[in-house]
Amino acid sequence: MDALIVIFITGLVGLFVGMMKKPVLTLSITITGLVTAFILTLYARSYESIFSKYNGLSTSPLTDAFSLLVIGLTILIVLGGFNYFKKDKEHTSDYYGLMLFSLCGALIMIAFNNFFMFFLGLEIMSIPIYVLVGIKKSNVLSSEASIKYFFTGSFATGVLLFGIALVYGATGTFDLLTINSMRGIAEPSPMFHIGVLFILAAFLFKVGSVPFHFWSPDVYQGSPDAIMSYMSTVVKVSALCAFVTLFSNVFMDSKHVYLIILEVFIAISFIFGYVSALKQSNLKRMLAYSGISNTGLAMLTILNGDFGSLWFFLLSYTAATICIMTLSQAMDKIDSEDISNWKGIGYKNPIIGVVIIISFLSLSGIPPLTGFFGKFLILSNSFQNHLWLVIIGLISSVIGAFLYLRFIVLSMAKDSNAEKICLSPLHFVIIGLSTIVLLFGWSILLF
């Protein structure tokens, strides 16, 4: 809770400081606030906050772990996007302010304790993103992406509100603990079940899963690299965390209503995402479609309420995504979105080549990288009760490995026309930290 307030105040202060048109100062204030919030969350169990008795949010070591993940990711994204955002000195603070306010919503979605706070967090997280997606004002794709994301997101929000209203009508409360305490006392009404299905549909949209995935490739393609990084990491982490919280716990009594539906969508997401990614010539669209398959894998944790493996998988997935998108931002003289322009980049730039290999091998689930252990934990924990989904997941992983290895081969091809890329100190820091996570993140399992 303290971290939430610090981030909100940092966003406000940054907006006022932005009137001085000094991007470096804005960056310093933003990073200071985020690091302070990270430290407060890290030591949240060692002191009692004055806000600890607030019933709208509940904290635990698990919510702290997810909060640390999204705050850490935001720090890397803020640093990585600085070279792009500082070009517009008048609005640098606006971009960072919107990102921090969105992070506030993400933290609320991780720790919400009732539907009111959940909806508030969702909207606080989403509305700034609608704006940030369209910040490339001269780019038609960016404007189209912003409008498309706004309208489809608004529709999903309407569906979500309708579902929450039905659940409230059936239970008479927004409080999750109260709803959870009703389990086993009486059979939930049909109104409750229908409300759960509406909420499920809204969540499938928010996480970009089949069949409500159609917005993600276009929105990812039209977004600036830093915003796309934020959407594919922070937004996805918080949405999946909330997804598992509700459907593996609060809505367990309706499992017989949505279980088959969810299993089918997970299975289709596995195959559809990677198969569609094979056809893409645009890097962001490739990552968007492959992200659908990775989202399907993450949703397996809903079936067994396995928060631990979800966190570990998202740690590896987001670290690899940050690496790739940071490299994309470093290629400012090249159209990095066109996959063909990556030919020979890894060969001509050995450090970049090593990062590309580690990142995509981790996404492929190749041992001993962290990505392997993330996938292994989810699939092994689902083996006993959902064997058929595990089999499909393994098949999709083979397709994904082919997709990622194809990119590695392209980037490592010997090409005399490949450009020499200069990485800035900030890019080195981001890539270095992310690569360490991919190489040694699995060691967390030892503690």
Protein backbone atom coordinates (compact mmCIF):
# COMPACT_ATOMS: atom_id res chain seq x y z
CA MET A 1 0.00 0.00 0.00
CA ASP A 2 2.85 2.39 0.81
CA ALA A 3 4.46 1.60 -2.55
CA LEU A 4 1.19 2.45 -4.29
CA ILE A 5 1.08 5.88 -2.67
CA VAL A 6 4.75 6.55 -3.42
CA ILE A 7 4.28 5.72 -7.10
CA PHE A 8 1.17 7.91 -7.33
CA ILE A 9 2.94 10.88 -5.71
CA THR A 10 5.96 10.33 -7.96
CA GLY A 11 3.71 10.50 -11.01
CA LEU A 12 2.16 13.77 -9.81
CA VAL A 13 5.52 15.36 -8.95
CA GLY A 14 6.92 14.25 -12.29
CA LEU A 15 4.11 16.00 -14.15
CA PHE A 16 4.88 19.31 -12.45
CA VAL A 17 8.64 18.93 -12.90
CA GLY A 18 7.98 18.20 -16.57
CA MET A 19 7.09 21.86 -17.11
CA MET A 20 10.82 22.56 -16.79
CA LYS A 21 11.36 20.45 -19.94
CA LYS A 22 14.32 18.56 -18.48
CA PRO A 23 13.96 14.88 -19.42
CA VAL A 24 16.95 13.76 -17.32
CA LEU A 25 15.41 15.31 -14.20
CA THR A 26 12.07 13.68 -14.98
CA LEU A 27 13.79 10.32 -15.42
CA SER A 28 15.67 10.74 -12.13
CA ILE A 29 12.48 11.49 -10.19
CA THR A 30 10.64 8.58 -11.83
CA ILE A 31 13.40 6.08 -11.09
CA THR A 32 13.79 7.36 -7.53
CA GLY A 33 10.08 6.85 -6.88
CA LEU A 34 10.06 3.39 -8.42
CA VAL A 35 13.15 2.24 -6.53
CA THR A 36 11.67 3.57 -3.28
CA ALA A 37 8.44 1.68 -3.98
CA PHE A 38 10.44 -1.47 -4.76
CA ILE A 39 12.31 -1.24 -1.44
CA LEU A 40 9.11 -0.57 0.52
CA THR A 41 7.49 -3.64 -1.05
CA LEU A 42 10.58 -5.76 -0.46
CA TYR A 43 10.54 -4.95 3.28
CA ALA A 44 6.75 -4.70 3.63
CA ARG A 45 6.72 -7.58 6.16
CA SER A 46 9.25 -5.91 8.45
CA TYR A 47 7.12 -2.94 9.52
CA GLU A 48 3.46 -2.05 9.96
CA SER A 49 2.09 0.50 7.55
CA ILE A 50 -0.46 3.10 8.69
CA PHE A 51 -2.59 1.87 5.78
CA SER A 52 -2.39 -1.82 6.70
CA LYS A 53 -5.95 -1.87 8.06
CA TYR A 54 -7.50 -0.78 4.77
CA ASN A 55 -9.90 -3.54 3.72
CA GLY A 56 -9.95 -2.79 -0.01
CA LEU A 57 -6.51 -4.28 -0.56
CA SER A 58 -4.94 -7.33 1.04
CA THR A 59 -1.23 -7.98 1.00
CA SER A 60 0.66 -11.23 1.44
CA PRO A 61 4.11 -12.55 0.52
CA LEU A 62 2.55 -13.71 -2.76
CA THR A 63 1.08 -10.32 -3.69
CA ASP A 64 4.38 -8.73 -2.66
CA ALA A 65 6.22 -11.02 -5.08
CA PHE A 66 3.97 -10.04 -8.00
CA SER A 67 4.19 -6.36 -7.00
CA LEU A 68 7.99 -6.55 -6.95
CA LEU A 69 7.90 -8.11 -10.41
CA VAL A 70 5.76 -5.38 -12.02
CA ILE A 71 7.66 -2.55 -10.29
CA GLY A 72 10.98 -4.03 -11.39
CA LEU A 73 9.73 -4.43 -14.95
CA THR A 74 8.54 -0.82 -15.00
CA ILE A 75 11.98 0.38 -13.88
CA LEU A 76 13.59 -1.44 -16.81
CA ILE A 77 10.97 -0.18 -19.29
CA VAL A 78 11.32 3.42 -18.09
CA LEU A 79 15.10 3.24 -18.54
CA GLY A 80 14.85 1.50 -21.89
CA GLY A 81 12.37 3.98 -23.33
CA PHE A 82 14.22 7.11 -22.23
CA ASN A 83 16.10 7.61 -25.52
CA TYR A 84 12.74 7.60 -27.32
CA PHE A 85 10.73 9.68 -24.85
CA LYS A 86 13.38 12.37 -24.35
CA LYS A 87 13.00 13.40 -28.01
CA ASP A 88 9.76 15.12 -27.02
CA LYS A 89 10.91 17.26 -24.09
CA GLU A 90 7.50 18.86 -23.62
CA HIS A 91 5.79 15.54 -23.03
CA THR A 92 8.44 13.27 -21.50
CA SER A 93 6.92 13.74 -18.05
CA ASP A 94 3.45 13.05 -19.45
CA TYR A 95 4.55 9.69 -20.80
CA TYR A 96 6.21 8.66 -17.55
CA GLY A 97 3.35 10.04 -15.47
CA LEU A 98 0.79 8.00 -17.42
CA MET A 99 2.95 4.90 -17.07
CA LEU A 100 3.22 5.36 -13.30
CA PHE A 101 -0.52 5.90 -12.91
CA SER A 102 -1.10 2.74 -14.95
CA LEU A 103 1.30 0.92 -12.62
CA CYS A 104 -0.85 2.04 -9.67
CA GLY A 105 -3.78 0.26 -11.29
CA ALA A 106 -1.66 -2.83 -11.88
CA LEU A 107 -0.71 -2.96 -8.19
CA ILE A 108 -4.36 -2.65 -7.19
CA MET A 109 -5.26 -5.54 -9.51
CA ILE A 110 -2.67 -7.70 -7.79
CA ALA A 111 -3.90 -6.98 -4.25
CA PHE A 112 -7.64 -6.21 -4.64
CA ASN A 113 -10.01 -7.57 -2.03
CA ASN A 114 -13.36 -6.66 -3.54
CA PHE A 115 -14.86 -6.10 -6.96
CA PHE A 116 -14.99 -2.34 -6.49
CA MET A 117 -11.22 -2.11 -6.05
CA PHE A 118 -10.70 -4.63 -8.84
CA PHE A 119 -12.67 -2.55 -11.34
CA LEU A 120 -11.00 0.64 -10.14
CA GLY A 121 -7.57 -0.91 -10.59
CA LEU A 122 -8.43 -2.26 -14.03
CA GLU A 123 -9.55 1.14 -15.31
CA ILE A 124 -6.66 3.02 -13.72
CA MET A 125 -4.31 0.59 -15.43
CA SER A 126 -6.07 0.59 -18.81
CA ILE A 127 -7.00 4.23 -19.50
CA PRO A 128 -3.41 5.58 -19.55
CA ILE A 129 -2.48 2.76 -21.93
CA TYR A 130 -5.20 3.83 -24.38
CA VAL A 131 -3.39 7.18 -24.56
CA LEU A 132 0.17 5.85 -24.60
CA VAL A 133 -0.54 3.46 -27.47
CA GLY A 134 -1.35 6.43 -29.71
CA ILE A 135 1.53 8.77 -28.78
CA LYS A 136 3.13 8.44 -32.23
CA LYS A 137 0.74 11.07 -33.56
CA SER A 138 2.22 11.14 -37.06
CA ASN A 139 1.90 7.37 -37.41
CA VAL A 140 -1.41 6.11 -38.80
CA LEU A 141 -0.89 2.64 -37.31
CA SER A 142 -0.40 4.15 -33.85
CA SER A 143 -3.62 6.17 -34.06
CA GLU A 144 -5.50 3.14 -35.39
CA ALA A 145 -4.11 0.97 -32.59
CA SER A 146 -5.16 3.47 -29.95
CA ILE A 147 -8.72 3.73 -31.25
CA LYS A 148 -9.04 -0.02 -31.70
CA TYR A 149 -7.73 -0.71 -28.22
CA PHE A 150 -10.02 1.91 -26.71
CA PHE A 151 -13.21 0.64 -28.33
CA THR A 152 -12.53 -3.05 -27.84
CA GLY A 153 -11.31 -2.40 -24.31
CA SER A 154 -14.43 -0.40 -23.53
CA PHE A 155 -16.59 -3.22 -24.82
CA ALA A 156 -14.75 -5.73 -22.64
CA THR A 157 -15.17 -3.40 -19.66
CA GLY A 158 -18.91 -3.30 -20.30
CA VAL A 159 -19.04 -7.08 -20.36
CA LEU A 160 -17.04 -7.19 -17.14
CA LEU A 161 -19.35 -4.71 -15.39
CA PHE A 162 -22.39 -6.70 -16.44
CA GLY A 163 -20.80 -9.85 -15.00
CA ILE A 164 -19.92 -8.11 -11.73
CA ALA A 165 -23.48 -6.78 -11.49
CA LEU A 166 -24.88 -10.30 -11.88
CA VAL A 167 -22.52 -11.68 -9.24
CA TYR A 168 -23.50 -8.86 -6.90
CA GLY A 169 -27.18 -9.52 -7.57
CA ALA A 170 -26.68 -13.18 -6.67
CA THR A 171 -24.57 -12.62 -3.55
CA GLY A 172 -25.45 -9.13 -2.33
CA THR A 173 -21.80 -8.16 -1.83
CA PHE A 174 -18.67 -7.02 -3.67
CA ASP A 175 -16.33 -8.42 -1.02
CA LEU A 176 -14.35 -11.46 -2.16
CA LEU A 177 -13.93 -12.90 1.33
CA THR A 178 -17.70 -12.75 1.90
CA ILE A 179 -18.40 -14.40 -1.47
CA ASN A 180 -15.76 -17.03 -0.71
CA SER A 181 -17.34 -17.75 2.70
CA MET A 182 -20.63 -18.63 0.96
CA ARG A 183 -19.03 -21.59 -0.78
CA GLY A 184 -20.54 -24.89 0.24
CA ILE A 185 -23.42 -23.26 2.16
CA ALA A 186 -25.82 -23.11 -0.76
CA GLU A 187 -25.74 -23.87 -4.47
CA PRO A 188 -24.91 -20.67 -6.42
CA SER A 189 -27.82 -19.34 -8.44
CA PRO A 190 -27.90 -19.38 -12.28
CA MET A 191 -27.43 -15.59 -12.12
CA PHE A 192 -24.10 -16.14 -10.35
CA HIS A 193 -22.95 -18.65 -12.97
CA ILE A 194 -23.87 -16.34 -15.85
CA GLY A 195 -22.03 -13.48 -14.16
CA VAL A 196 -18.93 -15.65 -13.85
CA LEU A 197 -19.08 -16.43 -17.59
CA PHE A 198 -19.28 -12.73 -18.43
CA ILE A 199 -16.28 -12.01 -16.20
CA LEU A 200 -14.41 -14.91 -17.84
CA ALA A 201 -15.02 -13.40 -21.28
CA ALA A 202 -13.70 -10.02 -20.13
CA PHE A 203 -10.58 -11.60 -18.67
CA LEU A 204 -9.87 -13.56 -21.84
CA PHE A 205 -9.88 -10.23 -23.66
CA LYS A 206 -7.62 -8.50 -21.15
CA VAL A 207 -4.96 -11.22 -21.27
CA GLY A 208 -5.20 -11.58 -25.06
CA SER A 209 -6.36 -15.18 -25.20
CA VAL A 210 -8.37 -16.97 -27.88
CA PRO A 211 -11.10 -16.14 -28.88
CA PHE A 212 -10.66 -12.49 -27.82
CA HIS A 213 -7.10 -12.11 -29.07
CA PHE A 214 -7.87 -10.17 -32.24
CA TRP A 215 -6.85 -6.77 -30.85
CA SER A 216 -3.34 -7.64 -29.67
CA PRO A 217 -1.35 -7.95 -32.96
CA ASP A 218 -2.63 -4.64 -34.32
CA VAL A 219 -2.26 -2.80 -31.00
CA TYR A 220 1.24 -4.18 -30.40
CA GLN A 221 2.32 -3.24 -33.92
CA GLY A 222 1.05 0.34 -33.63
CA SER A 223 2.53 0.97 -30.18
CA PRO A 224 5.99 2.44 -29.49
CA ASP A 225 8.48 -0.20 -28.40
CA ALA A 226 8.48 0.92 -24.75
CA ILE A 227 4.68 0.87 -24.53
CA MET A 228 4.49 -2.49 -26.23
CA SER A 229 7.00 -3.77 -23.66
CA TYR A 230 4.83 -2.42 -20.85
CA MET A 231 1.65 -3.97 -22.24
CA SER A 232 3.21 -7.37 -22.86
CA THR A 233 4.79 -7.54 -19.40
CA VAL A 234 3.30 -5.37 -16.62
CA VAL A 235 -0.27 -5.35 -17.94
CA LYS A 236 -0.20 -9.07 -18.69
CA VAL A 237 1.30 -9.98 -15.30
CA SER A 238 -1.31 -8.03 -13.31
CA ALA A 239 -4.21 -9.29 -15.43
CA LEU A 240 -3.13 -12.94 -15.12
CA CYS A 241 -2.62 -12.53 -11.38
CA ALA A 242 -6.18 -11.20 -10.99
CA PHE A 243 -7.47 -13.94 -13.32
CA VAL A 244 -6.00 -16.70 -11.16
CA THR A 245 -7.15 -14.99 -7.94
CA LEU A 246 -10.79 -15.01 -9.00
CA PHE A 247 -11.14 -18.24 -10.93
CA SER A 248 -8.98 -20.55 -8.86
CA ASN A 249 -10.47 -19.40 -5.59
CA VAL A 250 -13.58 -17.20 -5.50
CA PHE A 251 -15.41 -18.85 -8.39
CA MET A 252 -14.52 -22.45 -7.58
CA ASP A 253 -18.19 -23.36 -7.05
CA SER A 254 -18.87 -22.47 -10.69
CA LYS A 255 -15.97 -24.51 -12.00
CA HIS A 256 -18.29 -27.03 -13.61
CA VAL A 257 -19.77 -24.17 -15.65
CA TYR A 258 -16.58 -22.66 -17.09
CA LEU A 259 -14.01 -25.47 -16.82
CA ILE A 260 -14.56 -27.06 -20.23
CA ILE A 261 -14.83 -23.66 -21.90
CA LEU A 262 -11.57 -22.52 -20.34
CA GLU A 263 -9.77 -25.76 -21.21
CA VAL A 264 -10.84 -25.52 -24.86
CA PHE A 265 -9.68 -21.91 -25.13
CA ILE A 266 -6.36 -22.78 -23.51
CA ALA A 267 -5.83 -25.64 -25.96
CA ILE A 268 -6.68 -23.47 -28.98
CA SER A 269 -4.44 -20.66 -27.70
CA PHE A 270 -1.53 -23.11 -27.47
CA ILE A 271 -1.60 -23.99 -31.16
CA PHE A 272 -3.17 -20.90 -32.75
CA GLY A 273 -0.64 -18.46 -31.33
CA TYR A 274 2.51 -20.16 -32.55
CA VAL A 275 1.07 -21.24 -35.91
CA SER A 276 -0.07 -17.67 -36.62
CA ALA A 277 3.31 -16.30 -35.49
CA LEU A 278 5.07 -18.44 -38.12
CA LYS A 279 3.44 -16.37 -40.87
CA GLN A 280 4.44 -12.96 -39.54
CA SER A 281 7.09 -10.71 -41.07
CA ASN A 282 6.72 -8.06 -38.36
CA LEU A 283 8.55 -8.63 -35.05
CA LYS A 284 5.84 -7.09 -32.86
CA ARG A 285 3.11 -9.12 -34.53
CA MET A 286 5.22 -12.25 -34.14
CA LEU A 287 5.64 -11.54 -30.43
CA ALA A 288 1.94 -10.74 -30.09
CA TYR A 289 0.86 -14.05 -31.62
CA SER A 290 3.47 -16.08 -29.76
CA GLY A 291 2.30 -14.26 -26.63
CA ILE A 292 -1.13 -15.83 -27.15
CA SER A 293 0.42 -19.28 -26.76
CA ASN A 294 2.39 -18.20 -23.71
CA THR A 295 -0.79 -16.75 -22.23
CA GLY A 296 -2.47 -20.11 -22.76
CA LEU A 297 0.34 -21.77 -20.84
CA ALA A 298 0.03 -19.23 -18.01
CA MET A 299 -3.73 -19.84 -17.85
CA LEU A 300 -3.06 -23.47 -16.99
CA THR A 301 -2.30 -22.23 -13.49
CA ILE A 302 -5.95 -21.17 -13.14
CA LEU A 303 -6.97 -24.83 -13.22
CA ASN A 304 -4.88 -25.68 -10.16
CA GLY A 305 -4.46 -22.29 -8.46
CA ASP A 306 -0.69 -22.49 -8.74
CA PHE A 307 0.49 -18.92 -8.10
CA GLY A 308 4.10 -19.97 -7.55
CA SER A 309 4.65 -21.48 -10.97
CA LEU A 310 2.73 -18.60 -12.57
CA TRP A 311 5.10 -16.06 -10.99
CA PHE A 312 8.17 -18.01 -12.00
CA PHE A 313 6.98 -18.48 -15.59
CA LEU A 314 6.11 -14.79 -15.92
CA LEU A 315 9.53 -13.85 -14.54
CA SER A 316 11.25 -15.70 -17.39
CA TYR A 317 8.75 -14.64 -20.06
CA THR A 318 8.90 -10.94 -19.19
CA ALA A 319 12.70 -10.91 -18.87
CA ALA A 320 13.05 -12.37 -22.38
CA THR A 321 10.50 -9.90 -23.78
CA ILE A 322 12.32 -6.96 -22.17
CA CYS A 323 15.60 -8.14 -23.74
CA ILE A 324 14.13 -8.40 -27.23
CA MET A 325 12.30 -5.08 -27.12
CA THR A 326 15.35 -3.29 -25.68
CA LEU A 327 17.40 -4.54 -28.63
CA SER A 328 14.65 -3.34 -30.94
CA GLN A 329 14.83 0.13 -29.39
CA ALA A 330 18.62 0.16 -29.77
CA MET A 331 18.24 -0.39 -33.53
CA ASP A 332 16.98 3.16 -34.03
CA LYS A 333 18.63 3.51 -37.45
CA ILE A 334 17.01 0.34 -38.75
CA ASP A 335 13.39 -0.69 -39.17
CA SER A 336 13.61 -3.24 -36.38
CA GLU A 337 9.97 -4.25 -36.79
CA ASP A 338 10.71 -5.96 -40.10
CA ILE A 339 12.10 -9.36 -39.20
CA SER A 340 14.20 -9.51 -42.38
CA ASN A 341 16.20 -6.50 -41.13
CA TRP A 342 17.50 -8.60 -38.24
CA LYS A 343 19.51 -10.73 -40.67
CA GLY A 344 23.13 -10.83 -39.57
CA ILE A 345 22.61 -8.45 -36.65
CA GLY A 346 23.69 -11.06 -34.12
CA TYR A 347 26.70 -12.10 -36.20
CA LYS A 348 27.87 -8.51 -36.74
CA ASN A 349 27.24 -7.58 -33.09
CA PRO A 350 28.38 -10.51 -30.89
CA ILE A 351 26.92 -9.14 -27.63
CA ILE A 352 23.54 -8.66 -29.27
CA GLY A 353 23.85 -12.11 -30.79
CA VAL A 354 24.41 -13.71 -27.39
CA VAL A 355 21.40 -11.85 -25.93
CA ILE A 356 19.20 -12.91 -28.86
CA ILE A 357 20.21 -16.55 -28.44
CA ILE A 358 19.64 -16.56 -24.66
CA SER A 359 16.30 -14.74 -24.92
CA PHE A 360 14.76 -16.90 -27.62
CA LEU A 361 16.12 -20.16 -26.21
CA SER A 362 14.55 -19.23 -22.88
CA LEU A 363 11.23 -18.52 -24.60
CA SER A 364 11.59 -21.90 -26.32
CA GLY A 365 11.97 -23.60 -22.94
CA ILE A 366 15.48 -24.93 -23.52
CA PRO A 367 17.34 -26.03 -20.33
CA PRO A 368 19.08 -24.86 -18.26
CA LEU A 369 17.62 -21.41 -18.88
CA THR A 370 14.95 -20.00 -16.57
CA GLY A 371 12.28 -20.28 -19.27
CA PHE A 372 12.61 -24.07 -19.21
CA PHE A 373 11.91 -24.27 -15.48
CA GLY A 374 8.96 -21.89 -15.80
CA LYS A 375 7.30 -24.09 -18.42
CA PHE A 376 8.28 -27.28 -16.63
CA LEU A 377 6.68 -26.20 -13.35
CA ILE A 378 3.36 -25.33 -14.98
CA LEU A 379 3.18 -28.46 -17.11
CA SER A 380 4.31 -30.83 -14.35
CA ASN A 381 1.77 -29.38 -11.91
CA SER A 382 -0.98 -29.88 -14.49
CA PHE A 383 0.12 -33.36 -15.53
CA GLN A 384 -2.09 -35.35 -13.17
CA ASN A 385 -5.45 -33.63 -13.74
CA HIS A 386 -5.08 -32.13 -17.22
CA LEU A 387 -2.92 -34.56 -19.16
CA TRP A 388 -4.45 -33.79 -22.56
CA LEU A 389 -3.68 -30.09 -22.14
CA VAL A 390 -0.11 -30.90 -21.14
CA ILE A 391 0.31 -32.97 -24.32
CA ILE A 392 -1.02 -30.12 -26.49
CA GLY A 393 1.21 -27.73 -24.57
CA LEU A 394 4.27 -29.84 -25.36
CA ILE A 395 3.32 -30.00 -29.04
CA SER A 396 2.89 -26.23 -29.15
CA SER A 397 6.28 -25.80 -27.45
CA VAL A 398 7.90 -27.69 -30.33
CA ILE A 399 6.23 -25.31 -32.81
CA GLY A 400 7.36 -22.36 -30.69
CA ALA A 401 10.92 -23.68 -30.56
CA PHE A 402 10.97 -23.85 -34.37
CA LEU A 403 9.66 -20.26 -34.54
CA TYR A 404 12.29 -18.90 -32.16
CA LEU A 405 15.18 -20.96 -33.56
CA ARG A 406 14.32 -19.67 -37.03
CA PHE A 407 14.77 -16.13 -35.76
CA ILE A 408 18.08 -17.04 -34.10
CA VAL A 409 19.39 -18.55 -37.34
CA LEU A 410 18.34 -15.42 -39.25
CA SER A 411 20.03 -13.04 -36.82
CA MET A 412 23.23 -15.10 -36.69
CA ALA A 413 23.54 -15.49 -40.46
CA LYS A 414 26.72 -14.08 -41.96
CA ASP A 415 25.71 -10.89 -43.77
CA SER A 416 28.22 -8.22 -44.78
CA ASN A 417 25.40 -5.67 -45.12
CA ALA A 418 24.30 -5.98 -41.49
CA GLU A 419 24.50 -2.78 -39.44
CA LYS A 420 26.77 -2.23 -36.46
CA ILE A 421 24.57 -1.41 -33.45
CA CYS A 422 25.75 0.84 -30.63
CA LEU A 423 24.15 0.02 -27.29
CA SER A 424 23.80 2.89 -24.84
CA PRO A 425 24.82 2.45 -21.17
CA LEU A 426 21.12 2.25 -20.23
CA HIS A 427 20.56 -0.52 -22.75
CA PHE A 428 23.55 -2.42 -21.36
CA VAL A 429 22.10 -2.20 -17.85
CA ILE A 430 18.67 -3.42 -18.91
CA ILE A 431 19.95 -6.24 -21.09
CA GLY A 432 22.50 -7.26 -18.46
CA LEU A 433 19.94 -7.53 -15.65
CA SER A 434 17.42 -9.35 -17.85
CA THR A 435 20.03 -11.78 -19.13
CA ILE A 436 21.12 -12.59 -15.58
CA VAL A 437 17.50 -13.48 -14.78
CA LEU A 438 17.32 -15.72 -17.84
CA LEU A 439 20.59 -17.46 -16.99
CA PHE A 440 20.33 -17.77 -13.22
CA GLY A 441 16.72 -16.98 -12.29
CA TRP A 442 16.10 -20.69 -11.75
CA SER A 443 18.29 -20.50 -8.63
CA ILE A 444 15.33 -18.91 -6.83
CA LEU A 445 13.85 -22.41 -6.68
CA LEU A 446 16.69 -23.45 -4.37
CA PHE A 447 15.52 -21.11 -1.61
